[in-house]
Amino acid sequence: DIPITIGIGVLFLWSCYEVFLDLGSGYF
C-alpha cells in the first residue's frame, strides 16, 4: 500500500498542476 499510495497521490497532484497551469492534460 505504501508505493500505491505514493504513486496515486503524486500522480494526481502533478496532473492537477499540469491542468491548472495549462501545461498539459496530466495522467488522469
PDB file of all heavy atoms in Angstrom:
ATOM      1  N   ASP A   1       0.817  -1.216   0.000  1.00  0.00           N
ATOM      2  CA  ASP A   1       0.000   0.000   0.000  1.00  0.00           C
ATOM      3  C   ASP A   1       0.847   1.262   0.000  1.00  0.00           C
ATOM      4  O   ASP A   1       0.366   2.329  -0.400  1.00  0.00           O
ATOM      5  CB  ASP A   1      -0.920   0.001   1.229  1.00  0.00           C
ATOM      6  CG  ASP A   1      -1.948  -1.106   1.177  1.00  0.00           C
ATOM      7  OD1 ASP A   1      -2.830  -1.026   0.310  1.00  0.00           O
ATOM      8  OD2 ASP A   1      -1.858  -2.049   1.970  1.00  0.00           O
ATOM      9  N   ILE A   2       2.091   1.163   0.448  1.00  0.00           N
ATOM     10  CA  ILE A   2       2.951   2.361   0.509  1.00  0.00           C
ATOM     11  C   ILE A   2       3.267   2.900  -0.881  1.00  0.00           C
ATOM     12  O   ILE A   2       2.992   4.075  -1.167  1.00  0.00           O
ATOM     13  CB  ILE A   2       4.234   2.058   1.309  1.00  0.00           C
ATOM     14  CG1 ILE A   2       3.877   1.755   2.768  1.00  0.00           C
ATOM     15  CG2 ILE A   2       5.205   3.238   1.238  1.00  0.00           C
ATOM     16  CD1 ILE A   2       5.032   1.258   3.602  1.00  0.00           C
ATOM     17  N   PRO A   3       3.841   2.075  -1.807  1.00  0.00           N
ATOM     18  CA  PRO A   3       4.102   2.623  -3.142  1.00  0.00           C
ATOM     19  C   PRO A   3       2.827   3.001  -3.887  1.00  0.00           C
ATOM     20  O   PRO A   3       2.830   3.961  -4.664  1.00  0.00           O
ATOM     21  CB  PRO A   3       4.844   1.481  -3.855  1.00  0.00           C
ATOM     22  CG  PRO A   3       4.528   0.248  -3.098  1.00  0.00           C
ATOM     23  CD  PRO A   3       4.355   0.694  -1.684  1.00  0.00           C
ATOM     24  N   ILE A   4       1.733   2.261  -3.660  1.00  0.00           N
ATOM     25  CA  ILE A   4       0.466   2.593  -4.327  1.00  0.00           C
ATOM     26  C   ILE A   4      -0.024   3.966  -3.871  1.00  0.00           C
ATOM     27  O   ILE A   4      -0.441   4.802  -4.682  1.00  0.00           O
ATOM     28  CB  ILE A   4      -0.594   1.504  -4.042  1.00  0.00           C
ATOM     29  CG1 ILE A   4      -0.211   0.197  -4.742  1.00  0.00           C
ATOM     30  CG2 ILE A   4      -1.975   1.950  -4.498  1.00  0.00           C
ATOM     31  CD1 ILE A   4      -1.101  -0.982  -4.385  1.00  0.00           C
ATOM     32  N   THR A   5       0.024   4.209  -2.558  1.00  0.00           N
ATOM     33  CA  THR A   5      -0.415   5.498  -2.013  1.00  0.00           C
ATOM     34  C   THR A   5       0.437   6.646  -2.552  1.00  0.00           C
ATOM     35  O   THR A   5      -0.096   7.687  -2.973  1.00  0.00           O
ATOM     36  CB  THR A   5      -0.330   5.479  -0.471  1.00  0.00           C
ATOM     37  OG1 THR A   5      -1.168   4.433   0.023  1.00  0.00           O
ATOM     38  CG2 THR A   5      -0.787   6.798   0.113  1.00  0.00           C
ATOM     39  N   ILE A   6       1.751   6.450  -2.531  1.00  0.00           N
ATOM     40  CA  ILE A   6       2.656   7.498  -3.034  1.00  0.00           C
ATOM     41  C   ILE A   6       2.380   7.760  -4.510  1.00  0.00           C
ATOM     42  O   ILE A   6       2.275   8.912  -4.948  1.00  0.00           O
ATOM     43  CB  ILE A   6       4.130   7.082  -2.827  1.00  0.00           C
ATOM     44  CG1 ILE A   6       4.451   7.016  -1.328  1.00  0.00           C
ATOM     45  CG2 ILE A   6       5.072   8.064  -3.533  1.00  0.00           C
ATOM     46  CD1 ILE A   6       5.807   6.429  -1.018  1.00  0.00           C
ATOM     47  N   GLY A   7       2.245   6.698  -5.285  1.00  0.00           N
ATOM     48  CA  GLY A   7       2.020   6.840  -6.722  1.00  0.00           C
ATOM     49  C   GLY A   7       0.729   7.575  -7.033  1.00  0.00           C
ATOM     50  O   GLY A   7       0.720   8.506  -7.854  1.00  0.00           O
ATOM     51  N   ILE A   8      -0.366   7.166  -6.381  1.00  0.00           N
ATOM     52  CA  ILE A   8      -1.665   7.805  -6.638  1.00  0.00           C
ATOM     53  C   ILE A   8      -1.632   9.277  -6.239  1.00  0.00           C
ATOM     54  O   ILE A   8      -2.078  10.158  -6.989  1.00  0.00           O
ATOM     55  CB  ILE A   8      -2.787   7.059  -5.888  1.00  0.00           C
ATOM     56  CG1 ILE A   8      -3.013   5.684  -6.506  1.00  0.00           C
ATOM     57  CG2 ILE A   8      -4.083   7.863  -5.908  1.00  0.00           C
ATOM     58  CD1 ILE A   8      -3.962   4.799  -5.730  1.00  0.00           C
ATOM     59  N   GLY A   9      -1.084   9.550  -5.043  1.00  0.00           N
ATOM     60  CA  GLY A   9      -1.043  10.933  -4.558  1.00  0.00           C
ATOM     61  C   GLY A   9      -0.212  11.843  -5.439  1.00  0.00           C
ATOM     62  O   GLY A   9      -0.667  12.936  -5.834  1.00  0.00           O
ATOM     63  N   VAL A  10       0.989  11.382  -5.786  1.00  0.00           N
ATOM     64  CA  VAL A  10       1.895  12.209  -6.603  1.00  0.00           C
ATOM     65  C   VAL A  10       1.328  12.415  -8.003  1.00  0.00           C
ATOM     66  O   VAL A  10       1.354  13.524  -8.547  1.00  0.00           O
ATOM     67  CB  VAL A  10       3.295  11.562  -6.667  1.00  0.00           C
ATOM     68  CG1 VAL A  10       4.172  12.267  -7.691  1.00  0.00           C
ATOM     69  CG2 VAL A  10       3.965  11.610  -5.298  1.00  0.00           C
ATOM     70  N   LEU A  11       0.803  11.337  -8.614  1.00  0.00           N
ATOM     71  CA  LEU A  11       0.283  11.443  -9.974  1.00  0.00           C
ATOM     72  C   LEU A  11      -0.924  12.371 -10.040  1.00  0.00           C
ATOM     73  O   LEU A  11      -1.055  13.166 -10.986  1.00  0.00           O
ATOM     74  CB  LEU A  11      -0.093  10.059 -10.500  1.00  0.00           C
ATOM     75  CG  LEU A  11      -0.319   9.961 -12.009  1.00  0.00           C
ATOM     76  CD1 LEU A  11       0.967  10.231 -12.761  1.00  0.00           C
ATOM     77  CD2 LEU A  11      -0.861   8.597 -12.394  1.00  0.00           C
ATOM     78  N   PHE A  12      -1.797  12.301  -9.038  1.00  0.00           N
ATOM     79  CA  PHE A  12      -2.964  13.189  -9.023  1.00  0.00           C
ATOM     80  C   PHE A  12      -2.538  14.649  -8.872  1.00  0.00           C
ATOM     81  O   PHE A  12      -3.023  15.528  -9.609  1.00  0.00           O
ATOM     82  CB  PHE A  12      -3.904  12.788  -7.887  1.00  0.00           C
ATOM     83  CG  PHE A  12      -5.088  13.699  -7.743  1.00  0.00           C
ATOM     84  CD1 PHE A  12      -6.109  13.696  -8.680  1.00  0.00           C
ATOM     85  CD2 PHE A  12      -5.188  14.582  -6.665  1.00  0.00           C
ATOM     86  CE1 PHE A  12      -7.211  14.548  -8.552  1.00  0.00           C
ATOM     87  CE2 PHE A  12      -6.269  15.424  -6.532  1.00  0.00           C
ATOM     88  CZ  PHE A  12      -7.289  15.406  -7.478  1.00  0.00           C
ATOM     89  N   LEU A  13      -1.642  14.925  -7.943  1.00  0.00           N
ATOM     90  CA  LEU A  13      -1.198  16.302  -7.721  1.00  0.00           C
ATOM     91  C   LEU A  13      -0.469  16.857  -8.944  1.00  0.00           C
ATOM     92  O   LEU A  13      -0.662  18.021  -9.332  1.00  0.00           O
ATOM     93  CB  LEU A  13      -0.285  16.361  -6.483  1.00  0.00           C
ATOM     94  CG  LEU A  13      -0.979  16.080  -5.142  1.00  0.00           C
ATOM     95  CD1 LEU A  13       0.049  16.007  -4.019  1.00  0.00           C
ATOM     96  CD2 LEU A  13      -2.022  17.139  -4.827  1.00  0.00           C
ATOM     97  N   TRP A  14       0.381  16.031  -9.557  1.00  0.00           N
ATOM     98  CA  TRP A  14       1.092  16.505 -10.744  1.00  0.00           C
ATOM     99  C   TRP A  14       0.125  16.739 -11.910  1.00  0.00           C
ATOM    100  O   TRP A  14       0.265  17.724 -12.646  1.00  0.00           O
ATOM    101  CB  TRP A  14       2.160  15.503 -11.160  1.00  0.00           C
ATOM    102  CG  TRP A  14       2.888  15.926 -12.408  1.00  0.00           C
ATOM    103  CD1 TRP A  14       2.730  15.452 -13.668  1.00  0.00           C
ATOM    104  CD2 TRP A  14       3.860  16.963 -12.495  1.00  0.00           C
ATOM    105  NE1 TRP A  14       3.536  16.095 -14.544  1.00  0.00           N
ATOM    106  CE2 TRP A  14       4.261  17.043 -13.852  1.00  0.00           C
ATOM    107  CE3 TRP A  14       4.443  17.828 -11.573  1.00  0.00           C
ATOM    108  CZ2 TRP A  14       5.210  17.960 -14.304  1.00  0.00           C
ATOM    109  CZ3 TRP A  14       5.398  18.728 -12.027  1.00  0.00           C
ATOM    110  CH2 TRP A  14       5.773  18.793 -13.368  1.00  0.00           C
ATOM    111  N   SER A  15      -0.862  15.879 -12.068  1.00  0.00           N
ATOM    112  CA  SER A  15      -1.850  16.042 -13.137  1.00  0.00           C
ATOM    113  C   SER A  15      -2.647  17.326 -12.931  1.00  0.00           C
ATOM    114  O   SER A  15      -2.903  18.076 -13.880  1.00  0.00           O
ATOM    115  CB  SER A  15      -2.785  14.830 -13.185  1.00  0.00           C
ATOM    116  OG  SER A  15      -2.068  13.649 -13.462  1.00  0.00           O
ATOM    117  N   CYS A  16      -3.052  17.594 -11.682  1.00  0.00           N
ATOM    118  CA  CYS A  16      -3.765  18.845 -11.367  1.00  0.00           C
ATOM    119  C   CYS A  16      -2.874  20.057 -11.663  1.00  0.00           C
ATOM    120  O   CYS A  16      -3.335  21.083 -12.188  1.00  0.00           O
ATOM    121  CB  CYS A  16      -4.202  18.862  -9.908  1.00  0.00           C
ATOM    122  SG  CYS A  16      -5.536  17.703  -9.523  1.00  0.00           S
ATOM    123  N   TYR A  17      -1.595  19.929 -11.330  1.00  0.00           N
ATOM    124  CA  TYR A  17      -0.627  21.009 -11.579  1.00  0.00           C
ATOM    125  C   TYR A  17      -0.555  21.322 -13.078  1.00  0.00           C
ATOM    126  O   TYR A  17      -0.594  22.491 -13.494  1.00  0.00           O
ATOM    127  CB  TYR A  17       0.745  20.583 -11.046  1.00  0.00           C
ATOM    128  CG  TYR A  17       1.889  21.480 -11.438  1.00  0.00           C
ATOM    129  CD1 TYR A  17       2.071  22.716 -10.827  1.00  0.00           C
ATOM    130  CD2 TYR A  17       2.794  21.073 -12.428  1.00  0.00           C
ATOM    131  CE1 TYR A  17       3.135  23.538 -11.186  1.00  0.00           C
ATOM    132  CE2 TYR A  17       3.848  21.883 -12.802  1.00  0.00           C
ATOM    133  CZ  TYR A  17       4.018  23.116 -12.180  1.00  0.00           C
ATOM    134  OH  TYR A  17       5.067  23.933 -12.547  1.00  0.00           O
ATOM    135  N   GLU A  18      -0.503  20.268 -13.917  1.00  0.00           N
ATOM    136  CA  GLU A  18      -0.441  20.473 -15.365  1.00  0.00           C
ATOM    137  C   GLU A  18      -1.716  21.129 -15.894  1.00  0.00           C
ATOM    138  O   GLU A  18      -1.664  22.035 -16.730  1.00  0.00           O
ATOM    139  CB  GLU A  18      -0.218  19.132 -16.079  1.00  0.00           C
ATOM    140  CG  GLU A  18       1.215  18.636 -16.049  1.00  0.00           C
ATOM    141  CD  GLU A  18       1.445  17.496 -17.028  1.00  0.00           C
ATOM    142  OE1 GLU A  18       0.483  17.120 -17.752  1.00  0.00           O
ATOM    143  OE2 GLU A  18       2.579  16.996 -17.080  1.00  0.00           O
ATOM    144  N   VAL A  19      -2.870  20.681 -15.399  1.00  0.00           N
ATOM    145  CA  VAL A  19      -4.148  21.188 -15.896  1.00  0.00           C
ATOM    146  C   VAL A  19      -4.365  22.641 -15.472  1.00  0.00           C
ATOM    147  O   VAL A  19      -4.716  23.513 -16.291  1.00  0.00           O
ATOM    148  CB  VAL A  19      -5.312  20.305 -15.405  1.00  0.00           C
ATOM    149  CG1 VAL A  19      -6.665  20.974 -15.681  1.00  0.00           C
ATOM    150  CG2 VAL A  19      -5.254  18.943 -16.070  1.00  0.00           C
ATOM    151  N   PHE A  20      -4.154  22.938 -14.201  1.00  0.00           N
ATOM    152  CA  PHE A  20      -4.439  24.286 -13.689  1.00  0.00           C
ATOM    153  C   PHE A  20      -3.483  25.331 -14.243  1.00  0.00           C
ATOM    154  O   PHE A  20      -3.839  26.513 -14.367  1.00  0.00           O
ATOM    155  CB  PHE A  20      -4.392  24.296 -12.162  1.00  0.00           C
ATOM    156  CG  PHE A  20      -5.491  23.468 -11.528  1.00  0.00           C
ATOM    157  CD1 PHE A  20      -5.280  22.770 -10.348  1.00  0.00           C
ATOM    158  CD2 PHE A  20      -6.748  23.370 -12.134  1.00  0.00           C
ATOM    159  CE1 PHE A  20      -6.283  22.012  -9.778  1.00  0.00           C
ATOM    160  CE2 PHE A  20      -7.755  22.617 -11.562  1.00  0.00           C
ATOM    161  CZ  PHE A  20      -7.520  21.930 -10.385  1.00  0.00           C
ATOM    162  N   LEU A  21      -2.261  24.928 -14.616  1.00  0.00           N
ATOM    163  CA  LEU A  21      -1.306  25.870 -15.206  1.00  0.00           C
ATOM    164  C   LEU A  21      -1.278  25.758 -16.732  1.00  0.00           C
ATOM    165  O   LEU A  21      -0.411  26.352 -17.387  1.00  0.00           O
ATOM    166  CB  LEU A  21       0.097  25.634 -14.636  1.00  0.00           C
ATOM    167  CG  LEU A  21       0.270  25.937 -13.140  1.00  0.00           C
ATOM    168  CD1 LEU A  21       1.715  25.713 -12.705  1.00  0.00           C
ATOM    169  CD2 LEU A  21      -0.159  27.361 -12.807  1.00  0.00           C
ATOM    170  N   ASP A  22      -2.217  24.966 -17.260  1.00  0.00           N
ATOM    171  CA  ASP A  22      -2.351  24.803 -18.710  1.00  0.00           C
ATOM    172  C   ASP A  22      -1.061  24.297 -19.358  1.00  0.00           C
ATOM    173  O   ASP A  22      -0.671  24.745 -20.441  1.00  0.00           O
ATOM    174  CB  ASP A  22      -2.784  26.122 -19.362  1.00  0.00           C
ATOM    175  CG  ASP A  22      -3.404  25.895 -20.747  1.00  0.00           C
ATOM    176  OD1 ASP A  22      -3.773  24.732 -21.032  1.00  0.00           O
ATOM    177  OD2 ASP A  22      -3.482  26.858 -21.527  1.00  0.00           O
ATOM    178  N   LEU A  23      -0.411  23.336 -18.662  1.00  0.00           N
ATOM    179  CA  LEU A  23       0.824  22.759 -19.192  1.00  0.00           C
ATOM    180  C   LEU A  23       0.559  21.450 -19.939  1.00  0.00           C
ATOM    181  O   LEU A  23       1.411  20.963 -20.675  1.00  0.00           O
ATOM    182  CB  LEU A  23       1.820  22.487 -18.054  1.00  0.00           C
ATOM    183  CG  LEU A  23       2.247  23.703 -17.227  1.00  0.00           C
ATOM    184  CD1 LEU A  23       3.112  23.268 -16.054  1.00  0.00           C
ATOM    185  CD2 LEU A  23       3.013  24.696 -18.109  1.00  0.00           C
ATOM    186  N   GLY A  24      -0.602  20.859 -19.733  1.00  0.00           N
ATOM    187  CA  GLY A  24      -0.942  19.587 -20.366  1.00  0.00           C
ATOM    188  C   GLY A  24      -2.193  19.013 -19.743  1.00  0.00           C
ATOM    189  O   GLY A  24      -2.834  19.638 -18.877  1.00  0.00           O
ATOM    190  N   SER A  25      -2.558  17.792 -20.159  1.00  0.00           N
ATOM    191  CA  SER A  25      -3.798  17.176 -19.668  1.00  0.00           C
ATOM    192  C   SER A  25      -3.562  16.213 -18.507  1.00  0.00           C
ATOM    193  O   SER A  25      -4.494  15.618 -17.991  1.00  0.00           O
ATOM    194  CB  SER A  25      -4.493  16.429 -20.815  1.00  0.00           C
ATOM    195  OG  SER A  25      -3.629  15.427 -21.339  1.00  0.00           O
ATOM    196  N   GLY A  26      -2.282  16.060 -18.083  1.00  0.00           N
ATOM    197  CA  GLY A  26      -1.984  15.201 -16.943  1.00  0.00           C
ATOM    198  C   GLY A  26      -2.109  13.719 -17.272  1.00  0.00           C
ATOM    199  O   GLY A  26      -2.110  13.320 -18.446  1.00  0.00           O
ATOM    200  N   TYR A  27      -2.222  12.920 -16.215  1.00  0.00           N
ATOM    201  CA  TYR A  27      -2.273  11.455 -16.357  1.00  0.00           C
ATOM    202  C   TYR A  27      -3.536  10.879 -15.720  1.00  0.00           C
ATOM    203  O   TYR A  27      -3.511   9.810 -15.111  1.00  0.00           O
ATOM    204  CB  TYR A  27      -1.042  10.830 -15.690  1.00  0.00           C
ATOM    205  CG  TYR A  27       0.276  11.252 -16.303  1.00  0.00           C
ATOM    206  CD1 TYR A  27       1.012  12.285 -15.757  1.00  0.00           C
ATOM    207  CD2 TYR A  27       0.760  10.605 -17.440  1.00  0.00           C
ATOM    208  CE1 TYR A  27       2.224  12.674 -16.317  1.00  0.00           C
ATOM    209  CE2 TYR A  27       1.971  10.975 -18.008  1.00  0.00           C
ATOM    210  CZ  TYR A  27       2.697  12.016 -17.448  1.00  0.00           C
ATOM    211  OH  TYR A  27       3.881  12.398 -18.011  1.00  0.00           O
ATOM    212  N   PHE A  28      -4.656  11.595 -15.888  1.00  0.00           N
ATOM    213  CA  PHE A  28      -5.890  11.128 -15.251  1.00  0.00           C
ATOM    214  C   PHE A  28      -6.376   9.799 -15.833  1.00  0.00           C
ATOM    215  O   PHE A  28      -6.990   8.988 -15.130  1.00  0.00           O
ATOM    216  CB  PHE A  28      -6.983  12.191 -15.396  1.00  0.00           C
ATOM    217  CG  PHE A  28      -6.712  13.437 -14.616  1.00  0.00           C
ATOM    218  CD1 PHE A  28      -6.403  14.623 -15.266  1.00  0.00           C
ATOM    219  CD2 PHE A  28      -6.729  13.428 -13.225  1.00  0.00           C
ATOM    220  CE1 PHE A  28      -6.137  15.773 -14.543  1.00  0.00           C
ATOM    221  CE2 PHE A  28      -6.472  14.575 -12.505  1.00  0.00           C
ATOM    222  CZ  PHE A  28      -6.162  15.751 -13.165  1.00  0.00           C
TER     223      PHE A  28
END
